[in-house]
Protein backbone atom coordinates (compact mmCIF):
# COMPACT_ATOMS: atom_id res chain seq x y z
CA UNK A 1 0.06 0.19 0.02
CA UNK A 2 2.69 2.36 0.28
CA UNK A 3 3.44 3.15 -3.13
CA UNK A 4 0.17 4.00 -3.53
CA UNK A 5 -0.41 6.31 -0.34
CA UNK A 6 2.32 8.70 -0.65
CA UNK A 7 1.28 9.82 -4.85
CA UNK A 8 -2.54 9.96 -3.63
CA UNK A 9 -1.14 12.25 -0.46
CA UNK A 10 1.03 13.85 -2.61
CA UNK A 11 -1.95 14.87 -5.40
CA UNK A 12 -4.17 15.79 -2.70
CA UNK A 13 -1.58 18.23 -1.30
CA UNK A 14 -1.15 19.33 -4.58
CA UNK A 15 -4.61 19.74 -5.08
CA UNK A 16 -5.91 21.01 -1.23
CA UNK A 17 -2.88 24.16 -1.98
CA UNK A 18 -3.91 24.61 -5.47
CA UNK A 19 -7.92 24.73 -5.24
CA UNK A 20 -6.85 27.73 -2.29
CA UNK A 21 -8.82 30.84 -4.00
CA UNK A 22 -6.99 33.68 -2.93
CA UNK A 23 -8.02 36.22 -5.43
CA UNK A 24 -11.14 35.95 -4.31
CA UNK A 25 -10.64 35.85 -0.55
CA UNK A 26 -8.48 39.04 -0.44
CA UNK A 27 -10.82 40.85 -2.64
CA UNK A 28 -13.52 39.98 0.33
CA UNK A 29 -11.74 40.85 3.51
CA UNK A 30 -10.66 44.19 1.19
CA UNK A 31 -14.79 45.01 1.27
CA UNK A 32 -14.29 44.82 -2.75
CA UNK A 33 -17.56 42.07 -3.08
CA UNK A 34 -17.54 39.00 -4.79
CA UNK A 35 -15.05 38.78 -7.73
CA UNK A 36 -16.58 36.26 -9.51
CA UNK A 37 -19.40 39.22 -10.04
CA UNK A 38 -16.53 41.92 -11.55
CA UNK A 39 -14.99 42.35 -14.55
CA UNK A 40 -14.47 38.96 -16.44
CA UNK A 41 -15.76 37.01 -13.19
CA UNK A 42 -11.96 35.49 -13.40
CA UNK A 43 -10.56 34.83 -9.75
CA UNK A 44 -7.11 35.75 -11.00
CA UNK A 45 -4.90 38.58 -10.44
CA UNK A 46 -5.90 40.35 -13.35
CA UNK A 47 -9.34 40.60 -12.50
CA UNK A 48 -8.28 41.74 -9.37
CA UNK A 49 -6.73 44.32 -10.73
CA UNK A 50 -10.30 45.71 -12.42
CA UNK A 51 -11.26 46.25 -9.05
CA UNK A 52 -9.27 49.18 -8.82
CA UNK A 53 -6.18 47.79 -6.42
CA UNK A 54 -3.15 47.16 -7.49
CA UNK A 55 -1.88 45.88 -4.38
CA UNK A 56 -4.49 43.46 -4.04
CA UNK A 57 -3.67 42.28 -7.52
CA UNK A 58 0.25 41.98 -6.43
CA UNK A 59 -0.92 39.90 -3.74
CA UNK A 60 -3.46 37.71 -5.58
CA UNK A 61 -0.41 37.12 -8.51
CA UNK A 62 2.21 36.69 -5.71
CA UNK A 63 0.08 33.96 -3.45
CA UNK A 64 -1.14 31.90 -6.87
CA UNK A 65 2.31 31.68 -7.61
CA UNK A 66 3.82 30.40 -4.25
CA UNK A 67 1.14 27.84 -3.72
CA UNK A 68 2.56 26.19 -6.38
CA UNK A 69 6.17 26.22 -5.12
CA UNK A 70 4.90 25.65 -2.03
CA UNK A 71 3.35 22.15 -3.00
CA UNK A 72 6.30 20.84 -4.76
CA UNK A 73 8.67 21.84 -1.58
CA UNK A 74 5.99 19.97 1.00
CA UNK A 75 5.37 16.95 -1.12
CA UNK A 76 9.56 17.08 -1.09
CA UNK A 77 9.54 17.23 2.50
CA UNK A 78 6.78 14.45 3.38
CA UNK A 79 6.81 12.43 0.27
CA UNK A 80 10.05 11.92 -1.74
CA UNK A 81 10.00 11.59 -5.39
CA UNK A 82 6.21 13.06 -5.82
CA UNK A 83 6.73 16.24 -6.55
CA UNK A 84 5.67 15.74 -10.18
CA UNK A 85 1.82 14.30 -8.96
CA UNK A 86 1.72 17.30 -6.41
CA UNK A 87 2.47 19.65 -9.44
CA UNK A 88 -0.34 18.20 -11.44
CA UNK A 89 -2.24 18.12 -8.13
CA UNK A 90 -1.92 22.08 -7.44
CA UNK A 91 -2.63 22.52 -11.37
CA UNK A 92 -5.92 21.18 -11.48
CA UNK A 93 -6.69 22.30 -7.96
CA UNK A 94 -6.20 25.80 -9.22
CA UNK A 95 -8.06 25.51 -12.76
CA UNK A 96 -10.80 23.21 -11.12
CA UNK A 97 -11.47 23.84 -7.47
CA UNK A 98 -13.93 22.02 -6.01
CA UNK A 99 -15.02 24.82 -3.32
CA UNK A 100 -15.94 26.63 -6.34
CA UNK A 101 -17.70 24.32 -7.79
CA UNK A 102 -14.75 23.49 -10.02
CA UNK A 103 -14.42 28.02 -11.66
CA UNK A 104 -11.12 28.41 -10.65
CA UNK A 105 -8.60 30.35 -12.46
CA UNK A 106 -6.44 30.13 -15.43
CA UNK A 107 -3.07 29.07 -13.89
CA UNK A 108 -0.65 31.34 -15.70
CA UNK A 109 0.48 32.73 -11.68
CA UNK A 110 0.64 28.96 -10.44
CA UNK A 111 2.36 27.13 -13.74
CA UNK A 112 4.73 29.66 -13.04
CA UNK A 113 5.10 28.84 -8.99
CA UNK A 114 4.91 25.20 -10.13
CA UNK A 115 8.42 25.70 -12.59
CA UNK A 116 9.90 27.74 -9.81
CA UNK A 117 9.34 25.03 -7.46
CA UNK A 118 11.24 22.11 -9.84
CA UNK A 119 14.11 24.83 -9.70
CA UNK A 120 14.26 24.70 -5.69
CA UNK A 121 14.11 20.79 -5.43
CA UNK A 122 14.60 19.01 -8.27
CA UNK A 123 17.69 20.46 -10.44
CA UNK A 124 15.56 22.00 -13.13
CA UNK A 125 18.10 25.59 -14.89
CA UNK A 126 17.13 28.73 -13.42
CA UNK A 127 16.86 29.99 -17.02
CA UNK A 128 13.62 27.64 -17.49
CA UNK A 129 11.52 29.87 -15.01
CA UNK A 130 13.54 32.72 -16.13
CA UNK A 131 12.34 32.77 -19.64
CA UNK A 132 8.81 32.03 -18.32
CA UNK A 133 9.09 35.65 -16.14
CA UNK A 134 11.25 37.24 -19.39
CA UNK A 135 8.43 35.88 -21.67
CA UNK A 136 5.34 36.80 -19.56
CA UNK A 137 6.61 40.32 -18.40
CA UNK A 138 7.65 41.13 -22.15
CA UNK A 139 5.11 40.31 -23.88
CA UNK A 140 2.98 42.42 -21.83
CA UNK A 141 4.48 45.32 -21.66
CA UNK A 142 4.65 45.05 -25.48
CA UNK A 143 1.47 44.41 -25.99
CA UNK A 144 -0.74 45.03 -22.92
CA UNK A 145 -2.43 41.88 -23.26
CA UNK A 146 -2.57 39.92 -19.76
CA UNK A 147 -3.89 36.75 -21.53
CA UNK A 148 -1.63 37.03 -24.39
CA UNK A 149 1.57 37.14 -22.17
CA UNK A 150 0.09 34.22 -19.98
CA UNK A 151 0.06 32.26 -23.26
CA UNK A 152 3.04 33.37 -24.72
CA UNK A 153 4.89 32.00 -21.09
CA UNK A 154 3.26 28.40 -21.22
CA UNK A 155 4.05 28.06 -24.70
CA UNK A 156 7.67 28.91 -24.37
CA UNK A 157 8.05 27.03 -21.10
CA UNK A 158 7.90 23.04 -22.35
CA UNK A 159 10.55 24.12 -24.92
CA UNK A 160 12.46 25.88 -22.79
CA UNK A 161 12.70 22.13 -20.00
CA UNK A 162 13.39 20.10 -23.23
CA UNK A 163 16.26 22.77 -23.92
CA UNK A 164 17.55 22.43 -20.11
CA UNK A 165 17.31 18.59 -21.08
CA UNK A 166 14.33 17.57 -18.88
CA UNK A 167 12.34 15.75 -21.09
CA UNK A 168 10.31 14.52 -18.28
CA UNK A 169 8.99 18.24 -17.27
CA UNK A 170 8.91 19.20 -21.23
CA UNK A 171 5.73 16.42 -21.34
CA UNK A 172 4.68 17.70 -18.42
CA UNK A 173 4.95 21.42 -18.98
CA UNK A 174 3.17 20.81 -22.03
CA UNK A 175 0.46 19.03 -20.66
CA UNK A 176 0.30 22.14 -18.08
CA UNK A 177 0.00 24.47 -21.40
CA UNK A 178 -2.32 22.91 -22.77
CA UNK A 179 -4.74 23.22 -20.20
CA UNK A 180 -3.67 26.81 -19.55
CA UNK A 181 -4.62 27.49 -23.49
CA UNK A 182 -8.22 25.72 -23.46
CA UNK A 183 -8.66 27.98 -20.20
CA UNK A 184 -7.88 30.72 -22.26
CA UNK A 185 -10.00 29.45 -24.88
CA UNK A 186 -12.27 32.66 -24.61
CA UNK A 187 -9.35 35.05 -24.46
CA UNK A 188 -8.11 33.68 -27.70
CA UNK A 189 -11.12 34.04 -29.57
CA UNK A 190 -11.26 38.02 -28.50
CA UNK A 191 -7.71 38.10 -29.39
CA UNK A 192 -8.17 36.80 -32.75
CA UNK A 193 -11.36 39.42 -33.25
CA UNK A 194 -9.74 42.47 -31.56
CA UNK A 195 -11.88 42.99 -28.53
CA UNK A 196 -9.77 41.38 -26.45
CA UNK A 197 -9.38 44.16 -23.26
CA UNK A 198 -5.72 45.33 -22.32
CA UNK A 199 -4.36 45.82 -18.98
CA UNK A 200 -4.93 49.56 -17.81
CA UNK A 201 -7.95 50.34 -20.39
CA UNK A 202 -10.63 48.65 -18.21
CA UNK A 203 -12.90 45.57 -18.38
């Protein structure tokens, strides 16, 4: 039973951490109302920004990132050798949290936290999460499309992992990238139609 128990425990640990809806919790604590009734209705940092609070948006981004990293760190401490399973749990938990009837975020911040976690506990080259961050921020600054920045970062990451010689993680990251693209399908349609909102230009 032991070979089964630890992977299952790591999956549940990752899911529990990943499913914490920080954006929703922070906006409620700040008296900004139900985030799901604001802007796009998403619980991520970009929609938190639409409440008018840059501080809350930044805190949401950092906490969504941190929960991805924390899932891997705790899994490595408690259940060594299960970090990839914990990563899957964290990503799925963020995208489909049971507490919110499976209507979660879009995964960009948590994905970055997971990639950073692999650098800390599994020897992934530091330039891989650096490439994620540079692509994400660079695309956002150039285009002011938050969704495009996240999509570009997600797209680059499996290739970066492969170039780093981590083909096991490249495959895992490819799965995460496909999930991020699926969650952004409406954004992709708006980008194609030229109707996607830019950061700083309203909802």
